[in-house]
PDB file of N, CA and C in Angstrom:
ATOM      1  N   MET A   1      -4.531  -7.949 -81.037  1.00  0.00           N
ATOM      2  CA  MET A   1      -5.949  -8.085 -80.791  1.00  0.00           C
ATOM      3  C   MET A   1      -6.535  -9.076 -81.797  1.00  0.00           C
ATOM      4  N   ALA A   2      -7.351  -9.994 -81.323  1.00  0.00           N
ATOM      5  CA  ALA A   2      -7.945 -11.012 -82.185  1.00  0.00           C
ATOM      6  C   ALA A   2      -9.059 -10.398 -83.033  1.00  0.00           C
ATOM      7  N   LYS A   3      -9.141 -10.839 -84.268  1.00  0.00           N
ATOM      8  CA  LYS A   3     -10.170 -10.350 -85.174  1.00  0.00           C
ATOM      9  C   LYS A   3     -11.472 -11.105 -84.907  1.00  0.00           C
ATOM     10  N   LYS A   4     -12.577 -10.368 -84.815  1.00  0.00           N
ATOM     11  CA  LYS A   4     -13.886 -10.986 -84.596  1.00  0.00           C
ATOM     12  C   LYS A   4     -14.342 -11.705 -85.860  1.00  0.00           C
ATOM     13  N   GLU A   5     -14.987 -12.853 -85.668  1.00  0.00           N
ATOM     14  CA  GLU A   5     -15.587 -13.536 -86.808  1.00  0.00           C
ATOM     15  C   GLU A   5     -16.884 -12.825 -87.159  1.00  0.00           C
ATOM     16  N   SER A   6     -17.152 -12.706 -88.426  1.00  0.00           N
ATOM     17  CA  SER A   6     -18.343 -12.000 -88.876  1.00  0.00           C
ATOM     18  C   SER A   6     -19.027 -12.805 -89.970  1.00  0.00           C
ATOM     19  N   ASN A   7     -20.327 -12.658 -90.038  1.00  0.00           N
ATOM     20  CA  ASN A   7     -21.092 -13.308 -91.099  1.00  0.00           C
ATOM     21  C   ASN A   7     -21.256 -12.393 -92.296  1.00  0.00           C
ATOM     22  N   THR A   8     -20.559 -11.262 -92.302  1.00  0.00           N
ATOM     23  CA  THR A   8     -20.657 -10.342 -93.422  1.00  0.00           C
ATOM     24  C   THR A   8     -19.423 -10.435 -94.295  1.00  0.00           C
ATOM     25  N   LYS A   9     -19.592 -10.059 -95.533  1.00  0.00           N
ATOM     26  CA  LYS A   9     -18.486 -10.077 -96.481  1.00  0.00           C
ATOM     27  C   LYS A   9     -18.414  -8.708 -97.152  1.00  0.00           C
ATOM     28  N   SER A  10     -17.237  -8.159 -97.234  1.00  0.00           N
ATOM     29  CA  SER A  10     -17.033  -6.856 -97.857  1.00  0.00           C
ATOM     30  C   SER A  10     -16.694  -7.018 -99.328  1.00  0.00           C
ATOM     31  N   PHE A  11     -17.117  -6.045-100.135  1.00  0.00           N
ATOM     32  CA  PHE A  11     -16.753  -6.035-101.542  1.00  0.00           C
ATOM     33  C   PHE A  11     -16.860  -4.599-102.060  1.00  0.00           C
ATOM     34  N   VAL A  12     -16.233  -4.351-103.186  1.00  0.00           N
ATOM     35  CA  VAL A  12     -16.255  -3.030-103.804  1.00  0.00           C
ATOM     36  C   VAL A  12     -17.443  -2.965-104.756  1.00  0.00           C
ATOM     37  N   LEU A  13     -18.161  -1.859-104.711  1.00  0.00           N
ATOM     38  CA  LEU A  13     -19.301  -1.650-105.600  1.00  0.00           C
ATOM     39  C   LEU A  13     -19.113  -0.319-106.312  1.00  0.00           C
ATOM     40  N   ARG A  14     -19.153  -0.339-107.616  1.00  0.00           N
ATOM     41  CA  ARG A  14     -19.034   0.896-108.394  1.00  0.00           C
ATOM     42  C   ARG A  14     -20.437   1.362-108.770  1.00  0.00           C
ATOM     43  N   VAL A  15     -20.735   2.604-108.419  1.00  0.00           N
ATOM     44  CA  VAL A  15     -22.045   3.186-108.694  1.00  0.00           C
ATOM     45  C   VAL A  15     -21.819   4.574-109.270  1.00  0.00           C
ATOM     46  N   ASP A  16     -22.575   4.917-110.311  1.00  0.00           N
ATOM     47  CA  ASP A  16     -22.403   6.261-110.881  1.00  0.00           C
ATOM     48  C   ASP A  16     -22.832   7.325-109.865  1.00  0.00           C
ATOM     49  N   SER A  17     -22.322   8.541-110.028  1.00  0.00           N
ATOM     50  CA  SER A  17     -22.504   9.590-109.029  1.00  0.00           C
ATOM     51  C   SER A  17     -23.968   9.987-108.831  1.00  0.00           C
ATOM     52  N   GLU A  18     -24.772   9.980-109.880  1.00  0.00           N
ATOM     53  CA  GLU A  18     -26.188  10.332-109.737  1.00  0.00           C
ATOM     54  C   GLU A  18     -26.941   9.285-108.919  1.00  0.00           C
ATOM     55  N   THR A  19     -26.665   8.015-109.177  1.00  0.00           N
ATOM     56  CA  THR A  19     -27.297   6.937-108.422  1.00  0.00           C
ATOM     57  C   THR A  19     -26.864   6.990-106.961  1.00  0.00           C
ATOM     58  N   MET A  20     -25.569   7.235-106.742  1.00  0.00           N
ATOM     59  CA  MET A  20     -25.066   7.303-105.371  1.00  0.00           C
ATOM     60  C   MET A  20     -25.702   8.461-104.614  1.00  0.00           C
ATOM     61  N   ALA A  21     -25.862   9.592-105.264  1.00  0.00           N
ATOM     62  CA  ALA A  21     -26.512  10.736-104.623  1.00  0.00           C
ATOM     63  C   ALA A  21     -27.952  10.398-104.235  1.00  0.00           C
ATOM     64  N   ALA A  22     -28.651   9.685-105.101  1.00  0.00           N
ATOM     65  CA  ALA A  22     -30.032   9.288-104.811  1.00  0.00           C
ATOM     66  C   ALA A  22     -30.074   8.313-103.630  1.00  0.00           C
ATOM     67  N   ILE A  23     -29.143   7.365-103.582  1.00  0.00           N
ATOM     68  CA  ILE A  23     -29.078   6.400-102.477  1.00  0.00           C
ATOM     69  C   ILE A  23     -28.762   7.116-101.167  1.00  0.00           C
ATOM     70  N   GLU A  24     -27.808   8.048-101.208  1.00  0.00           N
ATOM     71  CA  GLU A  24     -27.444   8.796 -99.993  1.00  0.00           C
ATOM     72  C   GLU A  24     -28.618   9.622 -99.475  1.00  0.00           C
ATOM     73  N   LYS A  25     -29.376  10.252-100.383  1.00  0.00           N
ATOM     74  CA  LYS A  25     -30.542  11.034 -99.957  1.00  0.00           C
ATOM     75  C   LYS A  25     -31.608  10.116 -99.371  1.00  0.00           C
ATOM     76  N   TRP A  26     -31.859   8.990-100.020  1.00  0.00           N
ATOM     77  CA  TRP A  26     -32.841   8.024 -99.533  1.00  0.00           C
ATOM     78  C   TRP A  26     -32.430   7.527 -98.148  1.00  0.00           C
ATOM     79  N   ALA A  27     -31.165   7.212 -97.983  1.00  0.00           N
ATOM     80  CA  ALA A  27     -30.662   6.749 -96.685  1.00  0.00           C
ATOM     81  C   ALA A  27     -30.891   7.809 -95.612  1.00  0.00           C
ATOM     82  N   ALA A  28     -30.584   9.052 -95.927  1.00  0.00           N
ATOM     83  CA  ALA A  28     -30.785  10.132 -94.959  1.00  0.00           C
ATOM     84  C   ALA A  28     -32.265  10.281 -94.601  1.00  0.00           C
ATOM     85  N   ASP A  29     -33.132  10.160 -95.597  1.00  0.00           N
ATOM     86  CA  ASP A  29     -34.579  10.248 -95.356  1.00  0.00           C
ATOM     87  C   ASP A  29     -35.069   9.136 -94.438  1.00  0.00           C
ATOM     88  N   GLU A  30     -34.428   7.978 -94.489  1.00  0.00           N
ATOM     89  CA  GLU A  30     -34.815   6.811 -93.689  1.00  0.00           C
ATOM     90  C   GLU A  30     -34.003   6.697 -92.396  1.00  0.00           C
ATOM     91  N   PHE A  31     -33.130   7.686 -92.131  1.00  0.00           N
ATOM     92  CA  PHE A  31     -32.254   7.676 -90.954  1.00  0.00           C
ATOM     93  C   PHE A  31     -31.366   6.440 -90.916  1.00  0.00           C
ATOM     94  N   ARG A  32     -30.838   6.064 -92.090  1.00  0.00           N
ATOM     95  CA  ARG A  32     -29.917   4.945 -92.208  1.00  0.00           C
ATOM     96  C   ARG A  32     -28.595   5.453 -92.761  1.00  0.00           C
ATOM     97  N   SER A  33     -27.548   4.663 -92.554  1.00  0.00           N
ATOM     98  CA  SER A  33     -26.283   4.937 -93.237  1.00  0.00           C
ATOM     99  C   SER A  33     -26.452   4.528 -94.698  1.00  0.00           C
ATOM    100  N   THR A  34     -25.554   5.003 -95.537  1.00  0.00           N
ATOM    101  CA  THR A  34     -25.595   4.605 -96.942  1.00  0.00           C
ATOM    102  C   THR A  34     -25.419   3.096 -97.060  1.00  0.00           C
ATOM    103  N   ASN A  35     -24.485   2.542 -96.286  1.00  0.00           N
ATOM    104  CA  ASN A  35     -24.269   1.099 -96.297  1.00  0.00           C
ATOM    105  C   ASN A  35     -25.529   0.356 -95.846  1.00  0.00           C
ATOM    106  N   GLY A  36     -26.149   0.832 -94.781  1.00  0.00           N
ATOM    107  CA  GLY A  36     -27.376   0.209 -94.288  1.00  0.00           C
ATOM    108  C   GLY A  36     -28.490   0.267 -95.316  1.00  0.00           C
ATOM    109  N   GLN A  37     -28.577   1.383 -96.030  1.00  0.00           N
ATOM    110  CA  GLN A  37     -29.602   1.518 -97.060  1.00  0.00           C
ATOM    111  C   GLN A  37     -29.360   0.536 -98.193  1.00  0.00           C
ATOM    112  N   LEU A  38     -28.112   0.403 -98.621  1.00  0.00           N
ATOM    113  CA  LEU A  38     -27.794  -0.564 -99.681  1.00  0.00           C
ATOM    114  C   LEU A  38     -28.112  -1.985 -99.234  1.00  0.00           C
ATOM    115  N   GLN A  39     -27.809  -2.325 -97.987  1.00  0.00           N
ATOM    116  CA  GLN A  39     -28.133  -3.658 -97.476  1.00  0.00           C
ATOM    117  C   GLN A  39     -29.639  -3.877 -97.485  1.00  0.00           C
ATOM    118  N   TRP A  40     -30.398  -2.859 -97.090  1.00  0.00           N
ATOM    119  CA  TRP A  40     -31.855  -2.968 -97.070  1.00  0.00           C
ATOM    120  C   TRP A  40     -32.402  -3.138 -98.492  1.00  0.00           C
ATOM    121  N   ILE A  41     -31.895  -2.342 -99.440  1.00  0.00           N
ATOM    122  CA  ILE A  41     -32.347  -2.434-100.834  1.00  0.00           C
ATOM    123  C   ILE A  41     -32.101  -3.838-101.375  1.00  0.00           C
ATOM    124  N   ILE A  42     -30.923  -4.380-101.115  1.00  0.00           N
ATOM    125  CA  ILE A  42     -30.589  -5.722-101.601  1.00  0.00           C
ATOM    126  C   ILE A  42     -31.473  -6.765-100.931  1.00  0.00           C
ATOM    127  N   SER A  43     -31.660  -6.657 -99.621  1.00  0.00           N
ATOM    128  CA  SER A  43     -32.513  -7.614 -98.900  1.00  0.00           C
ATOM    129  C   SER A  43     -33.943  -7.589 -99.413  1.00  0.00           C
ATOM    130  N   GLU A  44     -34.477  -6.385 -99.641  1.00  0.00           N
ATOM    131  CA  GLU A  44     -35.841  -6.265-100.156  1.00  0.00           C
ATOM    132  C   GLU A  44     -35.963  -6.868-101.549  1.00  0.00           C
ATOM    133  N   ALA A  45     -34.992  -6.614-102.407  1.00  0.00           N
ATOM    134  CA  ALA A  45     -35.025  -7.180-103.754  1.00  0.00           C
ATOM    135  C   ALA A  45     -34.979  -8.706-103.700  1.00  0.00           C
ATOM    136  N   LEU A  46     -34.131  -9.257-102.836  1.00  0.00           N
ATOM    137  CA  LEU A  46     -34.053 -10.714-102.692  1.00  0.00           C
ATOM    138  C   LEU A  46     -35.356 -11.286-102.149  1.00  0.00           C
ATOM    139  N   ARG A  47     -35.945 -10.620-101.152  1.00  0.00           N
ATOM    140  CA  ARG A  47     -37.199 -11.090-100.560  1.00  0.00           C
ATOM    141  C   ARG A  47     -38.314 -11.078-101.597  1.00  0.00           C
ATOM    142  N   LYS A  48     -38.447  -9.970-102.326  1.00  0.00           N
ATOM    143  CA  LYS A  48     -39.524  -9.839-103.305  1.00  0.00           C
ATOM    144  C   LYS A  48     -39.392 -10.819-104.463  1.00  0.00           C
ATOM    145  N   SER A  49     -38.163 -11.206-104.791  1.00  0.00           N
ATOM    146  CA  SER A  49     -37.953 -12.146-105.893  1.00  0.00           C
ATOM    147  C   SER A  49     -38.024 -13.605-105.434  1.00  0.00           C
ATOM    148  N   GLY A  50     -38.184 -13.809-104.125  1.00  0.00           N
ATOM    149  CA  GLY A  50     -38.233 -15.164-103.586  1.00  0.00           C
ATOM    150  C   GLY A  50     -36.874 -15.825-103.516  1.00  0.00           C
ATOM    151  N   ARG A  51     -35.818 -15.052-103.527  1.00  0.00           N
ATOM    152  CA  ARG A  51     -34.463 -15.598-103.505  1.00  0.00           C
ATOM    153  C   ARG A  51     -33.764 -15.408-102.169  1.00  0.00           C
ATOM    154  N   GLN A  52     -34.453 -14.830-101.201  1.00  0.00           N
ATOM    155  CA  GLN A  52     -33.859 -14.614 -99.878  1.00  0.00           C
ATOM    156  C   GLN A  52     -33.639 -15.957 -99.205  1.00  0.00           C
ATOM    157  N   PRO A  53     -32.420 -16.256 -98.777  1.00  0.00           N
ATOM    158  CA  PRO A  53     -32.190 -17.516 -98.065  1.00  0.00           C
ATOM    159  C   PRO A  53     -33.016 -17.574 -96.790  1.00  0.00           C
ATOM    160  N   LYS A  54     -33.492 -18.753 -96.473  1.00  0.00           N
ATOM    161  CA  LYS A  54     -34.265 -18.936 -95.244  1.00  0.00           C
ATOM    162  C   LYS A  54     -33.364 -18.719 -94.041  1.00  0.00           C
ATOM    163  N   ARG A  55     -33.858 -17.976 -93.066  1.00  0.00           N
ATOM    164  CA  ARG A  55     -33.098 -17.762 -91.837  1.00  0.00           C
ATOM    165  C   ARG A  55     -33.436 -18.867 -90.856  1.00  0.00           C
ATOM    166  N   ARG A  56     -32.424 -19.341 -90.180  1.00  0.00           N
ATOM    167  CA  ARG A  56     -32.641 -20.378 -89.168  1.00  0.00           C
ATOM    168  C   ARG A  56     -33.164 -19.711 -87.916  1.00  0.00           C
ATOM    169  N   ARG A  57     -34.263 -20.262 -87.392  1.00  0.00           N
ATOM    170  CA  ARG A  57     -34.817 -19.718 -86.161  1.00  0.00           C
ATOM    171  C   ARG A  57     -34.106 -20.361 -84.987  1.00  0.00           C
ATOM    172  N   PRO A  58     -33.848 -19.579 -83.931  1.00  0.00           N
ATOM    173  CA  PRO A  58     -33.198 -20.156 -82.755  1.00  0.00           C
ATOM    174  C   PRO A  58     -34.102 -21.187 -82.088  1.00  0.00           C
ATOM    175  N   ALA A  59     -33.482 -22.179 -81.486  1.00  0.00           N
ATOM    176  CA  ALA A  59     -34.235 -23.219 -80.780  1.00  0.00           C
ATOM    177  C   ALA A  59     -34.960 -22.593 -79.606  1.00  0.00           C
ATOM    178  N   THR A  60     -36.179 -23.068 -79.349  1.00  0.00           N
ATOM    179  CA  THR A  60     -36.965 -22.563 -78.214  1.00  0.00           C
ATOM    180  C   THR A  60     -37.235 -23.695 -77.245  1.00  0.00           C
ATOM    181  N   ASP A  61     -37.744 -23.334 -76.094  1.00  0.00           N
ATOM    182  CA  ASP A  61     -38.067 -24.322 -75.081  1.00  0.00           C
ATOM    183  C   ASP A  61     -39.551 -24.701 -75.128  1.00  0.00           C
ATOM    184  N   GLU A  62     -40.215 -24.438 -76.244  1.00  0.00           N
ATOM    185  CA  GLU A  62     -41.621 -24.798 -76.352  1.00  0.00           C
ATOM    186  C   GLU A  62     -41.788 -26.299 -76.219  1.00  0.00           C
ATOM    187  N   GLY A  63     -42.865 -26.678 -75.586  1.00  0.00           N
ATOM    188  CA  GLY A  63     -43.145 -28.090 -75.415  1.00  0.00           C
ATOM    189  C   GLY A  63     -42.576 -28.672 -74.140  1.00  0.00           C
ATOM    190  N   LYS A  64     -41.698 -27.959 -73.467  1.00  0.00           N
ATOM    191  CA  LYS A  64     -41.178 -28.429 -72.193  1.00  0.00           C
ATOM    192  C   LYS A  64     -42.119 -28.006 -71.078  1.00  0.00           C
ATOM    193  N   GLU A  65     -42.216 -28.829 -70.087  1.00  0.00           N
ATOM    194  CA  GLU A  65     -43.081 -28.508 -68.943  1.00  0.00           C
ATOM    195  C   GLU A  65     -42.395 -27.479 -68.064  1.00  0.00           C
ATOM    196  N   ASP A  66     -43.208 -26.614 -67.445  1.00  0.00           N
ATOM    197  CA  ASP A  66     -42.670 -25.605 -66.550  1.00  0.00           C
ATOM    198  C   ASP A  66     -42.050 -26.270 -65.329  1.00  0.00           C
ATOM    199  N   GLY A  67     -40.942 -25.709 -64.888  1.00  0.00           N
ATOM    200  CA  GLY A  67     -40.311 -26.177 -63.661  1.00  0.00           C
ATOM    201  C   GLY A  67     -39.365 -27.350 -63.856  1.00  0.00           C
ATOM    202  N   LEU A  68     -39.178 -27.800 -65.061  1.00  0.00           N
ATOM    203  CA  LEU A  68     -38.262 -28.923 -65.281  1.00  0.00           C
ATOM    204  C   LEU A  68     -36.990 -28.481 -65.880  1.00  0.00           C
TER     205      LEU A  68
END
């Protein structure tokens, strides 16, 4: 079976047990997986610091005449 290409990268993260318990509880409160919560926390920190890479917007058909 061919492996799908992904834009994500995996890595190991060491977190102390108290911090991990807090993240797991927060994730459960937000109805997210622990991984999803960590991704959200990182994204929010990057956004708030102005370091979030700009996302490319998909091309649109704006400006084209209808029916062409």
